[in-house]
Amino acid sequence: LALDVDDAKLVKLAGEPSTVVVSNPMFADASIQGN
């Protein structure tokens, strides 16, 4: 996934997510909203 600094993208998942792991949160952040 490529995105710009201060940009956001929505990724649809095929299932209900429970856990998100970001290996280096200095570069990107992620949160769950439904699926």
Full PDB file with SEQRES, HELIX, SHEET, SSBOND, CRYST1, ORIGX, SCALE, CONECT and MASTER records, all heavy atoms in Angstrom:
SEQRES   1 A   35  LEU ALA LEU ASP VAL ASP ASP ALA LYS LEU VAL LYS LEU          
SEQRES   2 A   35  ALA GLY GLU PRO SER THR VAL VAL VAL SER ASN PRO MET          
SEQRES   3 A   35  PHE ALA ASP ALA SER ILE GLN GLY ASN                          
CRYST1    1.000    1.000    1.000  90.00  90.00  90.00 P 1           1          
ORIGX1      1.000000  0.000000  0.000000        0.00000                         
ORIGX2      0.000000  1.000000  0.000000        0.00000                         
ORIGX3      0.000000  0.000000  1.000000        0.00000                         
SCALE1      1.000000  0.000000  0.000000        0.00000                         
SCALE2      0.000000  1.000000  0.000000        0.00000                         
SCALE3      0.000000  0.000000  1.000000        0.00000                         
ATOM      1  N   LEU A   1       0.863  -1.168   0.000  1.00  0.00           N  
ATOM      2  CA  LEU A   1       0.000   0.000   0.000  1.00  0.00           C  
ATOM      3  C   LEU A   1       0.905   1.225   0.000  1.00  0.00           C  
ATOM      4  O   LEU A   1       1.833   1.310   0.802  1.00  0.00           O  
ATOM      5  CB  LEU A   1      -0.892  -0.012   1.246  1.00  0.00           C  
ATOM      6  CG  LEU A   1      -1.844   1.141   1.453  1.00  0.00           C  
ATOM      7  CD1 LEU A   1      -2.944   1.119   0.404  1.00  0.00           C  
ATOM      8  CD2 LEU A   1      -2.454   1.062   2.839  1.00  0.00           C  
ATOM      9  N   ALA A   2       0.653   2.148  -0.910  1.00  0.00           N  
ATOM     10  CA  ALA A   2       1.424   3.386  -0.962  1.00  0.00           C  
ATOM     11  C   ALA A   2       0.492   4.549  -0.641  1.00  0.00           C  
ATOM     12  O   ALA A   2      -0.623   4.607  -1.138  1.00  0.00           O  
ATOM     13  CB  ALA A   2       2.045   3.576  -2.344  1.00  0.00           C  
ATOM     14  N   LEU A   3       0.962   5.437   0.218  1.00  0.00           N  
ATOM     15  CA  LEU A   3       0.188   6.639   0.518  1.00  0.00           C  
ATOM     16  C   LEU A   3       1.126   7.763   0.889  1.00  0.00           C  
ATOM     17  O   LEU A   3       2.290   7.538   1.192  1.00  0.00           O  
ATOM     18  CB  LEU A   3      -0.867   6.393   1.587  1.00  0.00           C  
ATOM     19  CG  LEU A   3      -0.442   6.125   3.010  1.00  0.00           C  
ATOM     20  CD1 LEU A   3      -1.584   6.503   3.940  1.00  0.00           C  
ATOM     21  CD2 LEU A   3      -0.148   4.664   3.211  1.00  0.00           C  
ATOM     22  N   ASP A   4       0.604   8.972   0.837  1.00  0.00           N  
ATOM     23  CA  ASP A   4       1.403  10.158   1.142  1.00  0.00           C  
ATOM     24  C   ASP A   4       1.389  10.422   2.634  1.00  0.00           C  
ATOM     25  O   ASP A   4       0.495   9.978   3.357  1.00  0.00           O  
ATOM     26  CB  ASP A   4       0.836  11.381   0.419  1.00  0.00           C  
ATOM     27  CG  ASP A   4       0.947  11.278  -1.096  1.00  0.00           C  
ATOM     28  OD1 ASP A   4       1.801  10.511  -1.582  1.00  0.00           O  
ATOM     29  OD2 ASP A   4       0.171  11.958  -1.787  1.00  0.00           O  
ATOM     30  N   VAL A   5       2.370  11.191   3.084  1.00  0.00           N  
ATOM     31  CA  VAL A   5       2.394  11.646   4.469  1.00  0.00           C  
ATOM     32  C   VAL A   5       1.109  12.427   4.734  1.00  0.00           C  
ATOM     33  O   VAL A   5       0.658  13.202   3.893  1.00  0.00           O  
ATOM     34  CB  VAL A   5       3.630  12.533   4.724  1.00  0.00           C  
ATOM     35  CG1 VAL A   5       3.589  13.167   6.109  1.00  0.00           C  
ATOM     36  CG2 VAL A   5       4.910  11.727   4.548  1.00  0.00           C  
ATOM     37  N   ASP A   6       0.495  12.204   5.865  1.00  0.00           N  
ATOM     38  CA  ASP A   6      -0.742  12.860   6.300  1.00  0.00           C  
ATOM     39  C   ASP A   6      -1.947  12.486   5.446  1.00  0.00           C  
ATOM     40  O   ASP A   6      -2.957  13.170   5.465  1.00  0.00           O  
ATOM     41  CB  ASP A   6      -0.598  14.388   6.339  1.00  0.00           C  
ATOM     42  CG  ASP A   6       0.432  14.836   7.356  1.00  0.00           C  
ATOM     43  OD1 ASP A   6       0.607  14.138   8.376  1.00  0.00           O  
ATOM     44  OD2 ASP A   6       1.070  15.876   7.144  1.00  0.00           O  
ATOM     45  N   ASP A   7      -1.851  11.394   4.689  1.00  0.00           N  
ATOM     46  CA  ASP A   7      -2.966  10.902   3.895  1.00  0.00           C  
ATOM     47  C   ASP A   7      -3.527   9.665   4.592  1.00  0.00           C  
ATOM     48  O   ASP A   7      -2.869   9.060   5.430  1.00  0.00           O  
ATOM     49  CB  ASP A   7      -2.483  10.552   2.486  1.00  0.00           C  
ATOM     50  CG  ASP A   7      -3.629  10.302   1.512  1.00  0.00           C  
ATOM     51  OD1 ASP A   7      -4.788  10.631   1.860  1.00  0.00           O  
ATOM     52  OD2 ASP A   7      -3.365   9.781   0.421  1.00  0.00           O  
ATOM     53  N   ALA A   8      -4.736   9.297   4.244  1.00  0.00           N  
ATOM     54  CA  ALA A   8      -5.364   8.109   4.827  1.00  0.00           C  
ATOM     55  C   ALA A   8      -5.987   7.282   3.718  1.00  0.00           C  
ATOM     56  O   ALA A   8      -6.449   7.822   2.717  1.00  0.00           O  
ATOM     57  CB  ALA A   8      -6.434   8.516   5.840  1.00  0.00           C  
ATOM     58  N   LYS A   9      -5.969   5.974   3.901  1.00  0.00           N  
ATOM     59  CA  LYS A   9      -6.624   5.067   2.956  1.00  0.00           C  
ATOM     60  C   LYS A   9      -7.441   4.057   3.736  1.00  0.00           C  
ATOM     61  O   LYS A   9      -7.106   3.675   4.847  1.00  0.00           O  
ATOM     62  CB  LYS A   9      -5.596   4.347   2.091  1.00  0.00           C  
ATOM     63  CG  LYS A   9      -4.960   5.260   1.074  1.00  0.00           C  
ATOM     64  CD  LYS A   9      -4.364   4.514  -0.070  1.00  0.00           C  
ATOM     65  CE  LYS A   9      -3.835   5.530  -1.080  1.00  0.00           C  
ATOM     66  NZ  LYS A   9      -3.094   4.917  -2.136  1.00  0.00           N  
ATOM     67  N   LEU A  10      -8.518   3.632   3.105  1.00  0.00           N  
ATOM     68  CA  LEU A  10      -9.430   2.658   3.676  1.00  0.00           C  
ATOM     69  C   LEU A  10      -9.214   1.331   2.961  1.00  0.00           C  
ATOM     70  O   LEU A  10      -9.234   1.276   1.737  1.00  0.00           O  
ATOM     71  CB  LEU A  10     -10.866   3.147   3.469  1.00  0.00           C  
ATOM     72  CG  LEU A  10     -11.967   2.509   4.262  1.00  0.00           C  
ATOM     73  CD1 LEU A  10     -11.750   2.686   5.750  1.00  0.00           C  
ATOM     74  CD2 LEU A  10     -13.287   3.129   3.858  1.00  0.00           C  
ATOM     75  N   VAL A  11      -8.999   0.264   3.729  1.00  0.00           N  
ATOM     76  CA  VAL A  11      -8.777  -1.067   3.171  1.00  0.00           C  
ATOM     77  C   VAL A  11      -9.886  -1.974   3.684  1.00  0.00           C  
ATOM     78  O   VAL A  11     -10.045  -2.137   4.898  1.00  0.00           O  
ATOM     79  CB  VAL A  11      -7.401  -1.631   3.597  1.00  0.00           C  
ATOM     80  CG1 VAL A  11      -7.197  -3.035   3.053  1.00  0.00           C  
ATOM     81  CG2 VAL A  11      -6.282  -0.707   3.157  1.00  0.00           C  
ATOM     82  N   LYS A  12     -10.677  -2.541   2.770  1.00  0.00           N  
ATOM     83  CA  LYS A  12     -11.750  -3.444   3.159  1.00  0.00           C  
ATOM     84  C   LYS A  12     -11.167  -4.833   3.399  1.00  0.00           C  
ATOM     85  O   LYS A  12     -10.378  -5.332   2.601  1.00  0.00           O  
ATOM     86  CB  LYS A  12     -12.829  -3.509   2.082  1.00  0.00           C  
ATOM     87  CG  LYS A  12     -14.036  -4.288   2.527  1.00  0.00           C  
ATOM     88  CD  LYS A  12     -15.183  -4.145   1.568  1.00  0.00           C  
ATOM     89  CE  LYS A  12     -16.365  -4.930   2.134  1.00  0.00           C  
ATOM     90  NZ  LYS A  12     -17.483  -4.924   1.232  1.00  0.00           N  
ATOM     91  N   LEU A  13     -11.549  -5.441   4.503  1.00  0.00           N  
ATOM     92  CA  LEU A  13     -11.042  -6.758   4.882  1.00  0.00           C  
ATOM     93  C   LEU A  13     -12.120  -7.813   4.709  1.00  0.00           C  
ATOM     94  O   LEU A  13     -13.300  -7.543   4.921  1.00  0.00           O  
ATOM     95  CB  LEU A  13     -10.566  -6.733   6.334  1.00  0.00           C  
ATOM     96  CG  LEU A  13      -9.465  -5.716   6.634  1.00  0.00           C  
ATOM     97  CD1 LEU A  13      -9.274  -5.576   8.133  1.00  0.00           C  
ATOM     98  CD2 LEU A  13      -8.172  -6.110   5.951  1.00  0.00           C  
ATOM     99  N   ALA A  14     -11.715  -9.013   4.349  1.00  0.00           N  
ATOM    100  CA  ALA A  14     -12.650 -10.122   4.167  1.00  0.00           C  
ATOM    101  C   ALA A  14     -12.768 -10.887   5.483  1.00  0.00           C  
ATOM    102  O   ALA A  14     -12.298 -12.004   5.626  1.00  0.00           O  
ATOM    103  CB  ALA A  14     -12.173 -11.040   3.047  1.00  0.00           C  
ATOM    104  N   GLY A  15     -13.362 -10.265   6.456  1.00  0.00           N  
ATOM    105  CA  GLY A  15     -13.528 -10.861   7.772  1.00  0.00           C  
ATOM    106  C   GLY A  15     -13.571  -9.761   8.808  1.00  0.00           C  
ATOM    107  O   GLY A  15     -13.342  -8.587   8.511  1.00  0.00           O  
ATOM    108  N   GLU A  16     -13.850 -10.154  10.051  1.00  0.00           N  
ATOM    109  CA  GLU A  16     -13.929  -9.174  11.130  1.00  0.00           C  
ATOM    110  C   GLU A  16     -12.599  -9.112  11.866  1.00  0.00           C  
ATOM    111  O   GLU A  16     -12.192 -10.069  12.512  1.00  0.00           O  
ATOM    112  CB  GLU A  16     -15.049  -9.537  12.098  1.00  0.00           C  
ATOM    113  CG  GLU A  16     -15.346  -8.433  13.073  1.00  0.00           C  
ATOM    114  CD  GLU A  16     -16.585  -8.728  13.909  1.00  0.00           C  
ATOM    115  OE1 GLU A  16     -17.353  -9.625  13.553  1.00  0.00           O  
ATOM    116  OE2 GLU A  16     -16.740  -8.040  14.921  1.00  0.00           O  
ATOM    117  N   PRO A  17     -11.895  -7.990  11.766  1.00  0.00           N  
ATOM    118  CA  PRO A  17     -10.574  -7.886  12.392  1.00  0.00           C  
ATOM    119  C   PRO A  17     -10.659  -7.738  13.903  1.00  0.00           C  
ATOM    120  O   PRO A  17     -11.616  -7.186  14.435  1.00  0.00           O  
ATOM    121  CB  PRO A  17      -9.982  -6.638  11.752  1.00  0.00           C  
ATOM    122  CG  PRO A  17     -11.152  -5.834  11.327  1.00  0.00           C  
ATOM    123  CD  PRO A  17     -12.245  -6.798  11.014  1.00  0.00           C  
ATOM    124  N   SER A  18      -9.640  -8.249  14.566  1.00  0.00           N  
ATOM    125  CA  SER A  18      -9.541  -8.147  16.014  1.00  0.00           C  
ATOM    126  C   SER A  18      -8.266  -7.427  16.434  1.00  0.00           C  
ATOM    127  O   SER A  18      -8.281  -6.617  17.336  1.00  0.00           O  
ATOM    128  CB  SER A  18      -9.565  -9.542  16.628  1.00  0.00           C  
ATOM    129  OG  SER A  18      -9.196  -9.509  17.979  1.00  0.00           O  
ATOM    130  N   THR A  19      -7.168  -7.741  15.763  1.00  0.00           N  
ATOM    131  CA  THR A  19      -5.857  -7.226  16.157  1.00  0.00           C  
ATOM    132  C   THR A  19      -5.152  -6.615  14.954  1.00  0.00           C  
ATOM    133  O   THR A  19      -5.175  -7.193  13.869  1.00  0.00           O  
ATOM    134  CB  THR A  19      -4.992  -8.375  16.721  1.00  0.00           C  
ATOM    135  OG1 THR A  19      -5.681  -8.990  17.801  1.00  0.00           O  
ATOM    136  CG2 THR A  19      -3.649  -7.870  17.201  1.00  0.00           C  
ATOM    137  N   VAL A  20      -4.515  -5.468  15.188  1.00  0.00           N  
ATOM    138  CA  VAL A  20      -3.707  -4.826  14.153  1.00  0.00           C  
ATOM    139  C   VAL A  20      -2.306  -4.655  14.721  1.00  0.00           C  
ATOM    140  O   VAL A  20      -2.137  -4.132  15.822  1.00  0.00           O  
ATOM    141  CB  VAL A  20      -4.264  -3.443  13.757  1.00  0.00           C  
ATOM    142  CG1 VAL A  20      -3.362  -2.781  12.740  1.00  0.00           C  
ATOM    143  CG2 VAL A  20      -5.665  -3.561  13.228  1.00  0.00           C  
ATOM    144  N   VAL A  21      -1.311  -5.097  13.949  1.00  0.00           N  
ATOM    145  CA  VAL A  21       0.080  -4.943  14.340  1.00  0.00           C  
ATOM    146  C   VAL A  21       0.765  -4.054  13.305  1.00  0.00           C  
ATOM    147  O   VAL A  21       0.712  -4.346  12.110  1.00  0.00           O  
ATOM    148  CB  VAL A  21       0.799  -6.313  14.401  1.00  0.00           C  
ATOM    149  CG1 VAL A  21       2.264  -6.140  14.770  1.00  0.00           C  
ATOM    150  CG2 VAL A  21       0.094  -7.245  15.373  1.00  0.00           C  
ATOM    151  N   VAL A  22       1.375  -2.964  13.776  1.00  0.00           N  
ATOM    152  CA  VAL A  22       2.144  -2.072  12.907  1.00  0.00           C  
ATOM    153  C   VAL A  22       3.593  -2.212  13.348  1.00  0.00           C  
ATOM    154  O   VAL A  22       3.930  -1.893  14.489  1.00  0.00           O  
ATOM    155  CB  VAL A  22       1.669  -0.609  13.035  1.00  0.00           C  
ATOM    156  CG1 VAL A  22       2.490   0.302  12.144  1.00  0.00           C  
ATOM    157  CG2 VAL A  22       0.189  -0.496  12.716  1.00  0.00           C  
ATOM    158  N   SER A  23       4.457  -2.678  12.439  1.00  0.00           N  
ATOM    159  CA  SER A  23       5.835  -2.965  12.833  1.00  0.00           C  
ATOM    160  C   SER A  23       6.607  -1.716  13.237  1.00  0.00           C  
ATOM    161  O   SER A  23       7.436  -1.774  14.132  1.00  0.00           O  
ATOM    162  CB  SER A  23       6.577  -3.722  11.732  1.00  0.00           C  
ATOM    163  OG  SER A  23       6.722  -2.910  10.583  1.00  0.00           O  
ATOM    164  N   ASN A  24       6.360  -0.591  12.595  1.00  0.00           N  
ATOM    165  CA  ASN A  24       7.020   0.653  12.985  1.00  0.00           C  
ATOM    166  C   ASN A  24       6.014   1.797  12.917  1.00  0.00           C  
ATOM    167  O   ASN A  24       5.810   2.399  11.863  1.00  0.00           O  
ATOM    168  CB  ASN A  24       8.218   0.944  12.085  1.00  0.00           C  
ATOM    169  CG  ASN A  24       9.084   2.045  12.652  1.00  0.00           C  
ATOM    170  OD1 ASN A  24       8.620   2.884  13.424  1.00  0.00           O  
ATOM    171  ND2 ASN A  24      10.350   2.059  12.282  1.00  0.00           N  
ATOM    172  N   PRO A  25       5.377   2.111  14.048  1.00  0.00           N  
ATOM    173  CA  PRO A  25       4.346   3.154  14.070  1.00  0.00           C  
ATOM    174  C   PRO A  25       4.870   4.561  13.827  1.00  0.00           C  
ATOM    175  O   PRO A  25       4.100   5.495  13.762  1.00  0.00           O  
ATOM    176  CB  PRO A  25       3.728   3.025  15.464  1.00  0.00           C  
ATOM    177  CG  PRO A  25       4.677   2.215  16.258  1.00  0.00           C  
ATOM    178  CD  PRO A  25       5.530   1.436  15.317  1.00  0.00           C  
ATOM    179  N   MET A  26       6.174   4.714  13.641  1.00  0.00           N  
ATOM    180  CA  MET A  26       6.725   6.020  13.304  1.00  0.00           C  
ATOM    181  C   MET A  26       6.329   6.417  11.873  1.00  0.00           C  
ATOM    182  O   MET A  26       6.217   7.594  11.556  1.00  0.00           O  
ATOM    183  CB  MET A  26       8.249   5.975  13.412  1.00  0.00           C  
ATOM    184  CG  MET A  26       8.929   7.289  13.236  1.00  0.00           C  
ATOM    185  SD  MET A  26      10.637   7.134  13.752  1.00  0.00           S  
ATOM    186  CE  MET A  26      11.449   7.431  12.211  1.00  0.00           C  
ATOM    187  N   PHE A  27       6.065   5.427  11.020  1.00  0.00           N  
ATOM    188  CA  PHE A  27       5.774   5.704   9.616  1.00  0.00           C  
ATOM    189  C   PHE A  27       4.283   5.675   9.288  1.00  0.00           C  
ATOM    190  O   PHE A  27       3.838   6.396   8.416  1.00  0.00           O  
ATOM    191  CB  PHE A  27       6.517   4.722   8.710  1.00  0.00           C  
ATOM    192  CG  PHE A  27       8.003   4.790   8.904  1.00  0.00           C  
ATOM    193  CD1 PHE A  27       8.706   3.703   9.355  1.00  0.00           C  
ATOM    194  CD2 PHE A  27       8.697   5.970   8.665  1.00  0.00           C  
ATOM    195  CE1 PHE A  27      10.075   3.766   9.545  1.00  0.00           C  
ATOM    196  CE2 PHE A  27      10.065   6.048   8.862  1.00  0.00           C  
ATOM    197  CZ  PHE A  27      10.755   4.946   9.305  1.00  0.00           C  
ATOM    198  N   ALA A  28       3.516   4.813   9.949  1.00  0.00           N  
ATOM    199  CA  ALA A  28       2.081   4.724   9.653  1.00  0.00           C  
ATOM    200  C   ALA A  28       1.340   4.300  10.907  1.00  0.00           C  
ATOM    201  O   ALA A  28       1.908   3.707  11.826  1.00  0.00           O  
ATOM    202  CB  ALA A  28       1.827   3.723   8.529  1.00  0.00           C  
ATOM    203  N   ASP A  29       0.057   4.611  10.907  1.00  0.00           N  
ATOM    204  CA  ASP A  29      -0.832   4.212  11.995  1.00  0.00           C  
ATOM    205  C   ASP A  29      -2.022   3.511  11.363  1.00  0.00           C  
ATOM    206  O   ASP A  29      -2.361   3.780  10.206  1.00  0.00           O  
ATOM    207  CB  ASP A  29      -1.288   5.441  12.779  1.00  0.00           C  
ATOM    208  CG  ASP A  29      -1.913   5.082  14.110  1.00  0.00           C  
ATOM    209  OD1 ASP A  29      -1.861   3.893  14.506  1.00  0.00           O  
ATOM    210  OD2 ASP A  29      -2.468   5.982  14.765  1.00  0.00           O  
ATOM    211  N   ALA A  30      -2.642   2.613  12.099  1.00  0.00           N  
ATOM    212  CA  ALA A  30      -3.788   1.882  11.568  1.00  0.00           C  
ATOM    213  C   ALA A  30      -4.820   1.684  12.665  1.00  0.00           C  
ATOM    214  O   ALA A  30      -4.473   1.507  13.829  1.00  0.00           O  
ATOM    215  CB  ALA A  30      -3.345   0.531  11.014  1.00  0.00           C  
ATOM    216  N   SER A  31      -6.092   1.738  12.274  1.00  0.00           N  
ATOM    217  CA  SER A  31      -7.174   1.473  13.218  1.00  0.00           C  
ATOM    218  C   SER A  31      -8.271   0.697  12.507  1.00  0.00           C  
ATOM    219  O   SER A  31      -8.381   0.710  11.292  1.00  0.00           O  
ATOM    220  CB  SER A  31      -7.719   2.775  13.811  1.00  0.00           C  
ATOM    221  OG  SER A  31      -8.260   3.582  12.795  1.00  0.00           O  
ATOM    222  N   ILE A  32      -9.076   0.019  13.310  1.00  0.00           N  
ATOM    223  CA  ILE A  32     -10.152  -0.824  12.795  1.00  0.00           C  
ATOM    224  C   ILE A  32     -11.462  -0.065  12.902  1.00  0.00           C  
ATOM    225  O   ILE A  32     -11.766   0.547  13.927  1.00  0.00           O  
ATOM    226  CB  ILE A  32     -10.255  -2.126  13.621  1.00  0.00           C  
ATOM    227  CG1 ILE A  32      -8.970  -2.936  13.510  1.00  0.00           C  
ATOM    228  CG2 ILE A  32     -11.447  -2.946  13.186  1.00  0.00           C  
ATOM    229  CD1 ILE A  32      -8.900  -4.087  14.493  1.00  0.00           C  
ATOM    230  N   GLN A  33     -12.250  -0.126  11.840  1.00  0.00           N  
ATOM    231  CA  GLN A  33     -13.600   0.431  11.827  1.00  0.00           C  
ATOM    232  C   GLN A  33     -14.487  -0.606  11.152  1.00  0.00           C  
ATOM    233  O   GLN A  33     -14.530  -0.678   9.933  1.00  0.00           O  
ATOM    234  CB  GLN A  33     -13.612   1.764  11.073  1.00  0.00           C  
ATOM    235  CG  GLN A  33     -14.909   2.511  11.143  1.00  0.00           C  
ATOM    236  CD  GLN A  33     -15.182   3.053  12.531  1.00  0.00           C  
ATOM    237  OE1 GLN A  33     -14.287   3.331  13.298  1.00  0.00           O  
ATOM    238  NE2 GLN A  33     -16.442   3.193  12.857  1.00  0.00           N  
ATOM    239  N   GLY A  34     -15.176  -1.429  11.939  1.00  0.00           N  
ATOM    240  CA  GLY A  34     -15.984  -2.507  11.371  1.00  0.00           C  
ATOM    241  C   GLY A  34     -15.087  -3.529  10.700  1.00  0.00           C  
ATOM    242  O   GLY A  34     -14.145  -4.017  11.308  1.00  0.00           O  
ATOM    243  N   ASN A  35     -15.370  -3.841   9.429  1.00  0.00           N  
ATOM    244  CA  ASN A  35     -14.510  -4.774   8.695  1.00  0.00           C  
ATOM    245  C   ASN A  35     -13.543  -4.017   7.783  1.00  0.00           C  
ATOM    246  O   ASN A  35     -13.086  -4.535   6.775  1.00  0.00           O  
ATOM    247  CB  ASN A  35     -15.347  -5.770   7.887  1.00  0.00           C  
ATOM    248  CG  ASN A  35     -16.068  -5.105   6.732  1.00  0.00           C  
ATOM    249  OD1 ASN A  35     -16.329  -3.901   6.751  1.00  0.00           O  
ATOM    250  ND2 ASN A  35     -16.391  -5.886   5.726  1.00  0.00           N  
TER     251      ASN A  35                                                      
MASTER        0    0    0    0    0    0    0    6  250    1    0    3          
END                                                                             
